[in-house]
Amino acid sequence: MGLHLLGSPSNPEDNTSTLVVDFGQIFSLPPAYLEKLAEGLGERLRLDSPFLEHFSQSFARYFMRVGLPSQIPAFR
């Protein structure tokens, strides 16, 4: 399905204000552009460990799916 839930950054106990990440909506931007943009933003929210690792694993699982044939022939 390609969705990942992140707890609310302002109120983690409130399940109604969670964030949903859609891995089907990925955008690619040049690193130099992002570095310049990040310098101008100052303080910003970031995931801490182990939440960063959990998010990274979810992203990897979504893209590493291997398409196998629906009918695998019997081994003889």
PDB file of N, CA and C in Angstrom:
ATOM      1  N   MET A   1       0.818  -1.185   0.000  1.00  0.00           N
ATOM      2  CA  MET A   1       0.000   0.000   0.000  1.00  0.00           C
ATOM      3  C   MET A   1       0.865   1.253   0.000  1.00  0.00           C
ATOM      4  N   GLY A   2       2.015   1.231   0.623  1.00  0.00           N
ATOM      5  CA  GLY A   2       2.940   2.348   0.554  1.00  0.00           C
ATOM      6  C   GLY A   2       2.654   3.502   1.480  1.00  0.00           C
ATOM      7  N   LEU A   3       2.024   3.238   2.616  1.00  0.00           N
ATOM      8  CA  LEU A   3       1.739   4.306   3.580  1.00  0.00           C
ATOM      9  C   LEU A   3       2.490   4.038   4.876  1.00  0.00           C
ATOM     10  N   HIS A   4       2.888   5.109   5.544  1.00  0.00           N
ATOM     11  CA  HIS A   4       3.593   4.998   6.820  1.00  0.00           C
ATOM     12  C   HIS A   4       3.044   6.066   7.756  1.00  0.00           C
ATOM     13  N   LEU A   5       2.753   5.686   8.987  1.00  0.00           N
ATOM     14  CA  LEU A   5       2.232   6.631   9.975  1.00  0.00           C
ATOM     15  C   LEU A   5       3.356   7.181  10.845  1.00  0.00           C
ATOM     16  N   LEU A   6       3.314   8.476  11.067  1.00  0.00           N
ATOM     17  CA  LEU A   6       4.235   9.146  11.985  1.00  0.00           C
ATOM     18  C   LEU A   6       3.403   9.814  13.065  1.00  0.00           C
ATOM     19  N   GLY A   7       3.840   9.692  14.290  1.00  0.00           N
ATOM     20  CA  GLY A   7       3.141  10.342  15.389  1.00  0.00           C
ATOM     21  C   GLY A   7       3.178  11.853  15.258  1.00  0.00           C
ATOM     22  N   SER A   8       2.236  12.498  15.880  1.00  0.00           N
ATOM     23  CA  SER A   8       2.177  13.955  15.850  1.00  0.00           C
ATOM     24  C   SER A   8       3.436  14.551  16.487  1.00  0.00           C
ATOM     25  N   PRO A   9       4.095  15.495  15.809  1.00  0.00           N
ATOM     26  CA  PRO A   9       5.288  16.108  16.399  1.00  0.00           C
ATOM     27  C   PRO A   9       4.965  17.011  17.584  1.00  0.00           C
ATOM     28  N   SER A  10       3.761  17.568  17.608  1.00  0.00           N
ATOM     29  CA  SER A  10       3.409  18.491  18.685  1.00  0.00           C
ATOM     30  C   SER A  10       2.720  17.805  19.861  1.00  0.00           C
ATOM     31  N   ASN A  11       2.003  16.692  19.595  1.00  0.00           N
ATOM     32  CA  ASN A  11       1.277  15.995  20.649  1.00  0.00           C
ATOM     33  C   ASN A  11       1.256  14.486  20.349  1.00  0.00           C
ATOM     34  N   PRO A  12       2.329  13.764  20.676  1.00  0.00           N
ATOM     35  CA  PRO A  12       2.428  12.351  20.325  1.00  0.00           C
ATOM     36  C   PRO A  12       1.326  11.465  20.918  1.00  0.00           C
ATOM     37  N   GLU A  13       0.708  11.898  22.014  1.00  0.00           N
ATOM     38  CA  GLU A  13      -0.347  11.095  22.635  1.00  0.00           C
ATOM     39  C   GLU A  13      -1.668  11.182  21.877  1.00  0.00           C
ATOM     40  N   ASP A  14      -1.802  12.171  21.000  1.00  0.00           N
ATOM     41  CA  ASP A  14      -3.048  12.385  20.270  1.00  0.00           C
ATOM     42  C   ASP A  14      -3.018  11.618  18.952  1.00  0.00           C
ATOM     43  N   ASN A  15      -3.768  10.514  18.885  1.00  0.00           N
ATOM     44  CA  ASN A  15      -3.776   9.682  17.683  1.00  0.00           C
ATOM     45  C   ASN A  15      -4.519  10.324  16.516  1.00  0.00           C
ATOM     46  N   THR A  16      -5.280  11.377  16.769  1.00  0.00           N
ATOM     47  CA  THR A  16      -6.022  12.007  15.679  1.00  0.00           C
ATOM     48  C   THR A  16      -5.179  13.010  14.895  1.00  0.00           C
ATOM     49  N   SER A  17      -3.983  13.313  15.368  1.00  0.00           N
ATOM     50  CA  SER A  17      -3.133  14.279  14.664  1.00  0.00           C
ATOM     51  C   SER A  17      -1.855  13.632  14.136  1.00  0.00           C
ATOM     52  N   THR A  18      -1.942  12.361  13.772  1.00  0.00           N
ATOM     53  CA  THR A  18      -0.788  11.682  13.195  1.00  0.00           C
ATOM     54  C   THR A  18      -0.558  12.166  11.767  1.00  0.00           C
ATOM     55  N   LEU A  19       0.631  11.928  11.273  1.00  0.00           N
ATOM     56  CA  LEU A  19       0.986  12.291   9.902  1.00  0.00           C
ATOM     57  C   LEU A  19       1.046  11.016   9.070  1.00  0.00           C
ATOM     58  N   VAL A  20       0.614  11.083   7.827  1.00  0.00           N
ATOM     59  CA  VAL A  20       0.652   9.936   6.923  1.00  0.00           C
ATOM     60  C   VAL A  20       1.631  10.248   5.795  1.00  0.00           C
ATOM     61  N   VAL A  21       2.594   9.348   5.583  1.00  0.00           N
ATOM     62  CA  VAL A  21       3.557   9.485   4.496  1.00  0.00           C
ATOM     63  C   VAL A  21       3.141   8.519   3.399  1.00  0.00           C
ATOM     64  N   ASP A  22       3.026   9.021   2.179  1.00  0.00           N
ATOM     65  CA  ASP A  22       2.651   8.206   1.033  1.00  0.00           C
ATOM     66  C   ASP A  22       3.894   7.981   0.181  1.00  0.00           C
ATOM     67  N   PHE A  23       4.433   6.748   0.197  1.00  0.00           N
ATOM     68  CA  PHE A  23       5.637   6.452  -0.568  1.00  0.00           C
ATOM     69  C   PHE A  23       5.369   6.445  -2.074  1.00  0.00           C
ATOM     70  N   GLY A  24       4.121   6.491  -2.480  1.00  0.00           N
ATOM     71  CA  GLY A  24       3.786   6.584  -3.892  1.00  0.00           C
ATOM     72  C   GLY A  24       3.931   7.996  -4.431  1.00  0.00           C
ATOM     73  N   GLN A  25       4.150   8.965  -3.557  1.00  0.00           N
ATOM     74  CA  GLN A  25       4.323  10.365  -3.951  1.00  0.00           C
ATOM     75  C   GLN A  25       5.733  10.823  -3.579  1.00  0.00           C
ATOM     76  N   ILE A  26       6.729  10.302  -4.285  1.00  0.00           N
ATOM     77  CA  ILE A  26       8.129  10.615  -3.994  1.00  0.00           C
ATOM     78  C   ILE A  26       8.632  11.634  -5.016  1.00  0.00           C
ATOM     79  N   PHE A  27       9.350  12.629  -4.532  1.00  0.00           N
ATOM     80  CA  PHE A  27       9.921  13.651  -5.385  1.00  0.00           C
ATOM     81  C   PHE A  27      11.433  13.621  -5.263  1.00  0.00           C
ATOM     82  N   SER A  28      12.118  13.785  -6.369  1.00  0.00           N
ATOM     83  CA  SER A  28      13.573  13.787  -6.383  1.00  0.00           C
ATOM     84  C   SER A  28      14.060  15.209  -6.664  1.00  0.00           C
ATOM     85  N   LEU A  29      14.940  15.696  -5.787  1.00  0.00           N
ATOM     86  CA  LEU A  29      15.486  17.042  -5.937  1.00  0.00           C
ATOM     87  C   LEU A  29      16.999  16.982  -5.834  1.00  0.00           C
ATOM     88  N   PRO A  30      17.703  17.886  -6.513  1.00  0.00           N
ATOM     89  CA  PRO A  30      19.171  17.894  -6.437  1.00  0.00           C
ATOM     90  C   PRO A  30      19.652  18.199  -5.014  1.00  0.00           C
ATOM     91  N   PRO A  31      20.677  17.482  -4.533  1.00  0.00           N
ATOM     92  CA  PRO A  31      21.183  17.701  -3.179  1.00  0.00           C
ATOM     93  C   PRO A  31      21.613  19.145  -2.919  1.00  0.00           C
ATOM     94  N   ALA A  32      22.230  19.790  -3.891  1.00  0.00           N
ATOM     95  CA  ALA A  32      22.680  21.177  -3.687  1.00  0.00           C
ATOM     96  C   ALA A  32      21.487  22.100  -3.420  1.00  0.00           C
ATOM     97  N   TYR A  33      20.399  21.873  -4.120  1.00  0.00           N
ATOM     98  CA  TYR A  33      19.188  22.672  -3.902  1.00  0.00           C
ATOM     99  C   TYR A  33      18.649  22.463  -2.487  1.00  0.00           C
ATOM    100  N   LEU A  34      18.607  21.221  -2.042  1.00  0.00           N
ATOM    101  CA  LEU A  34      18.099  20.916  -0.699  1.00  0.00           C
ATOM    102  C   LEU A  34      18.992  21.488   0.391  1.00  0.00           C
ATOM    103  N   GLU A  35      20.312  21.423   0.197  1.00  0.00           N
ATOM    104  CA  GLU A  35      21.233  21.994   1.187  1.00  0.00           C
ATOM    105  C   GLU A  35      21.024  23.496   1.328  1.00  0.00           C
ATOM    106  N   LYS A  36      20.860  24.183   0.206  1.00  0.00           N
ATOM    107  CA  LYS A  36      20.645  25.635   0.239  1.00  0.00           C
ATOM    108  C   LYS A  36      19.306  25.956   0.912  1.00  0.00           C
ATOM    109  N   LEU A  37      18.278  25.190   0.594  1.00  0.00           N
ATOM    110  CA  LEU A  37      16.967  25.388   1.190  1.00  0.00           C
ATOM    111  C   LEU A  37      17.009  25.142   2.700  1.00  0.00           C
ATOM    112  N   ALA A  38      17.693  24.072   3.120  1.00  0.00           N
ATOM    113  CA  ALA A  38      17.779  23.725   4.537  1.00  0.00           C
ATOM    114  C   ALA A  38      18.520  24.796   5.332  1.00  0.00           C
ATOM    115  N   GLU A  39      19.553  25.381   4.748  1.00  0.00           N
ATOM    116  CA  GLU A  39      20.291  26.442   5.450  1.00  0.00           C
ATOM    117  C   GLU A  39      19.391  27.643   5.747  1.00  0.00           C
ATOM    118  N   GLY A  40      18.485  27.950   4.843  1.00  0.00           N
ATOM    119  CA  GLY A  40      17.608  29.096   5.021  1.00  0.00           C
ATOM    120  C   GLY A  40      16.444  28.842   5.961  1.00  0.00           C
ATOM    121  N   LEU A  41      16.136  27.571   6.231  1.00  0.00           N
ATOM    122  CA  LEU A  41      14.988  27.255   7.074  1.00  0.00           C
ATOM    123  C   LEU A  41      15.288  27.330   8.569  1.00  0.00           C
ATOM    124  N   GLY A  42      16.521  27.119   8.936  1.00  0.00           N
ATOM    125  CA  GLY A  42      16.863  27.116  10.361  1.00  0.00           C
ATOM    126  C   GLY A  42      16.396  25.848  11.049  1.00  0.00           C
ATOM    127  N   GLU A  43      15.808  25.991  12.245  1.00  0.00           N
ATOM    128  CA  GLU A  43      15.340  24.829  13.007  1.00  0.00           C
ATOM    129  C   GLU A  43      14.158  24.159  12.304  1.00  0.00           C
ATOM    130  N   ARG A  44      14.185  22.833  12.260  1.00  0.00           N
ATOM    131  CA  ARG A  44      13.085  22.079  11.667  1.00  0.00           C
ATOM    132  C   ARG A  44      12.950  20.735  12.356  1.00  0.00           C
ATOM    133  N   LEU A  45      11.803  20.111  12.203  1.00  0.00           N
ATOM    134  CA  LEU A  45      11.536  18.823  12.837  1.00  0.00           C
ATOM    135  C   LEU A  45      12.315  17.707  12.169  1.00  0.00           C
ATOM    136  N   ARG A  46      12.784  16.760  12.983  1.00  0.00           N
ATOM    137  CA  ARG A  46      13.498  15.595  12.477  1.00  0.00           C
ATOM    138  C   ARG A  46      13.105  14.378  13.286  1.00  0.00           C
ATOM    139  N   LEU A  47      13.205  13.213  12.667  1.00  0.00           N
ATOM    140  CA  LEU A  47      12.933  11.969  13.376  1.00  0.00           C
ATOM    141  C   LEU A  47      14.152  11.562  14.188  1.00  0.00           C
ATOM    142  N   ASP A  48      13.929  11.107  15.406  1.00  0.00           N
ATOM    143  CA  ASP A  48      15.002  10.582  16.247  1.00  0.00           C
ATOM    144  C   ASP A  48      15.048   9.062  16.116  1.00  0.00           C
ATOM    145  N   SER A  49      16.162   8.489  16.548  1.00  0.00           N
ATOM    146  CA  SER A  49      16.284   7.048  16.602  1.00  0.00           C
ATOM    147  C   SER A  49      15.390   6.534  17.726  1.00  0.00           C
ATOM    148  N   PRO A  50      14.715   5.457  17.597  1.00  0.00           N
ATOM    149  CA  PRO A  50      14.687   4.450  16.531  1.00  0.00           C
ATOM    150  C   PRO A  50      13.626   4.730  15.479  1.00  0.00           C
ATOM    151  N   PHE A  51      12.927   5.867  15.566  1.00  0.00           N
ATOM    152  CA  PHE A  51      11.863   6.172  14.612  1.00  0.00           C
ATOM    153  C   PHE A  51      12.411   6.417  13.209  1.00  0.00           C
ATOM    154  N   LEU A  52      13.603   7.005  13.111  1.00  0.00           N
ATOM    155  CA  LEU A  52      14.237   7.226  11.816  1.00  0.00           C
ATOM    156  C   LEU A  52      14.530   5.897  11.132  1.00  0.00           C
ATOM    157  N   GLU A  53      15.061   4.936  11.892  1.00  0.00           N
ATOM    158  CA  GLU A  53      15.367   3.621  11.329  1.00  0.00           C
ATOM    159  C   GLU A  53      14.106   2.890  10.897  1.00  0.00           C
ATOM    160  N   HIS A  54      13.049   2.997  11.696  1.00  0.00           N
ATOM    161  CA  HIS A  54      11.782   2.348  11.363  1.00  0.00           C
ATOM    162  C   HIS A  54      11.204   2.931  10.076  1.00  0.00           C
ATOM    163  N   PHE A  55      11.253   4.248   9.939  1.00  0.00           N
ATOM    164  CA  PHE A  55      10.789   4.909   8.722  1.00  0.00           C
ATOM    165  C   PHE A  55      11.627   4.462   7.516  1.00  0.00           C
ATOM    166  N   SER A  56      12.941   4.414   7.682  1.00  0.00           N
ATOM    167  CA  SER A  56      13.833   4.011   6.589  1.00  0.00           C
ATOM    168  C   SER A  56      13.557   2.580   6.150  1.00  0.00           C
ATOM    169  N   GLN A  57      13.316   1.692   7.105  1.00  0.00           N
ATOM    170  CA  GLN A  57      12.995   0.298   6.768  1.00  0.00           C
ATOM    171  C   GLN A  57      11.673   0.208   6.018  1.00  0.00           C
ATOM    172  N   SER A  58      10.682   0.975   6.408  1.00  0.00           N
ATOM    173  CA  SER A  58       9.395   0.974   5.710  1.00  0.00           C
ATOM    174  C   SER A  58       9.562   1.445   4.272  1.00  0.00           C
ATOM    175  N   PHE A  59      10.355   2.480   4.088  1.00  0.00           N
ATOM    176  CA  PHE A  59      10.624   2.993   2.742  1.00  0.00           C
ATOM    177  C   PHE A  59      11.323   1.928   1.897  1.00  0.00           C
ATOM    178  N   ALA A  60      12.325   1.278   2.474  1.00  0.00           N
ATOM    179  CA  ALA A  60      13.060   0.237   1.746  1.00  0.00           C
ATOM    180  C   ALA A  60      12.159  -0.946   1.402  1.00  0.00           C
ATOM    181  N   ARG A  61      11.323  -1.384   2.348  1.00  0.00           N
ATOM    182  CA  ARG A  61      10.418  -2.514   2.075  1.00  0.00           C
ATOM    183  C   ARG A  61       9.462  -2.205   0.938  1.00  0.00           C
ATOM    184  N   TYR A  62       9.011  -0.969   0.850  1.00  0.00           N
ATOM    185  CA  TYR A  62       8.076  -0.592  -0.208  1.00  0.00           C
ATOM    186  C   TYR A  62       8.730  -0.705  -1.581  1.00  0.00           C
ATOM    187  N   PHE A  63       9.991  -0.305  -1.703  1.00  0.00           N
ATOM    188  CA  PHE A  63      10.656  -0.288  -3.002  1.00  0.00           C
ATOM    189  C   PHE A  63      11.426  -1.560  -3.330  1.00  0.00           C
ATOM    190  N   MET A  64      11.643  -2.437  -2.378  1.00  0.00           N
ATOM    191  CA  MET A  64      12.428  -3.639  -2.681  1.00  0.00           C
ATOM    192  C   MET A  64      11.552  -4.841  -2.992  1.00  0.00           C
ATOM    193  N   ARG A  65      10.258  -4.657  -3.114  1.00  0.00           N
ATOM    194  CA  ARG A  65       9.368  -5.768  -3.442  1.00  0.00           C
ATOM    195  C   ARG A  65       9.777  -6.374  -4.774  1.00  0.00           C
ATOM    196  N   VAL A  66       9.931  -7.684  -4.782  1.00  0.00           N
ATOM    197  CA  VAL A  66      10.310  -8.390  -5.995  1.00  0.00           C
ATOM    198  C   VAL A  66       9.056  -8.995  -6.604  1.00  0.00           C
ATOM    199  N   GLY A  67       8.837  -8.727  -7.875  1.00  0.00           N
ATOM    200  CA  GLY A  67       7.667  -9.278  -8.553  1.00  0.00           C
ATOM    201  C   GLY A  67       7.931 -10.700  -9.017  1.00  0.00           C
ATOM    202  N   LEU A  68       7.290 -11.662  -8.408  1.00  0.00           N
ATOM    203  CA  LEU A  68       7.426 -13.051  -8.807  1.00  0.00           C
ATOM    204  C   LEU A  68       6.198 -13.468  -9.598  1.00  0.00           C
ATOM    205  N   PRO A  69       6.385 -14.456 -10.474  1.00  0.00           N
ATOM    206  CA  PRO A  69       5.214 -14.944 -11.200  1.00  0.00           C
ATOM    207  C   PRO A  69       4.192 -15.534 -10.229  1.00  0.00           C
ATOM    208  N   SER A  70       2.930 -15.429 -10.584  1.00  0.00           N
ATOM    209  CA  SER A  70       1.894 -15.925  -9.687  1.00  0.00           C
ATOM    210  C   SER A  70       1.927 -17.448  -9.563  1.00  0.00           C
ATOM    211  N   GLN A  71       2.356 -18.138 -10.610  1.00  0.00           N
ATOM    212  CA  GLN A  71       2.443 -19.592 -10.574  1.00  0.00           C
ATOM    213  C   GLN A  71       3.906 -19.993 -10.696  1.00  0.00           C
ATOM    214  N   ILE A  72       4.504 -20.419  -9.611  1.00  0.00           N
ATOM    215  CA  ILE A  72       5.886 -20.894  -9.646  1.00  0.00           C
ATOM    216  C   ILE A  72       5.862 -22.369 -10.006  1.00  0.00           C
ATOM    217  N   PRO A  73       6.608 -22.770 -11.059  1.00  0.00           N
ATOM    218  CA  PRO A  73       6.571 -24.179 -11.469  1.00  0.00           C
ATOM    219  C   PRO A  73       7.139 -25.098 -10.381  1.00  0.00           C
ATOM    220  N   ALA A  74       6.611 -26.298 -10.341  1.00  0.00           N
ATOM    221  CA  ALA A  74       7.059 -27.279  -9.347  1.00  0.00           C
ATOM    222  C   ALA A  74       8.506 -27.690  -9.618  1.00  0.00           C
ATOM    223  N   PHE A  75       9.262 -27.900  -8.562  1.00  0.00           N
ATOM    224  CA  PHE A  75      10.657 -28.325  -8.680  1.00  0.00           C
ATOM    225  C   PHE A  75      10.680 -29.828  -8.979  1.00  0.00           C
ATOM    226  N   ARG A  76      11.453 -30.236  -9.990  1.00  0.00           N
ATOM    227  CA  ARG A  76      11.536 -31.666 -10.358  1.00  0.00           C
ATOM    228  C   ARG A  76      12.936 -32.146 -10.287  1.00  0.00           C
TER     229      ARG A  76
END
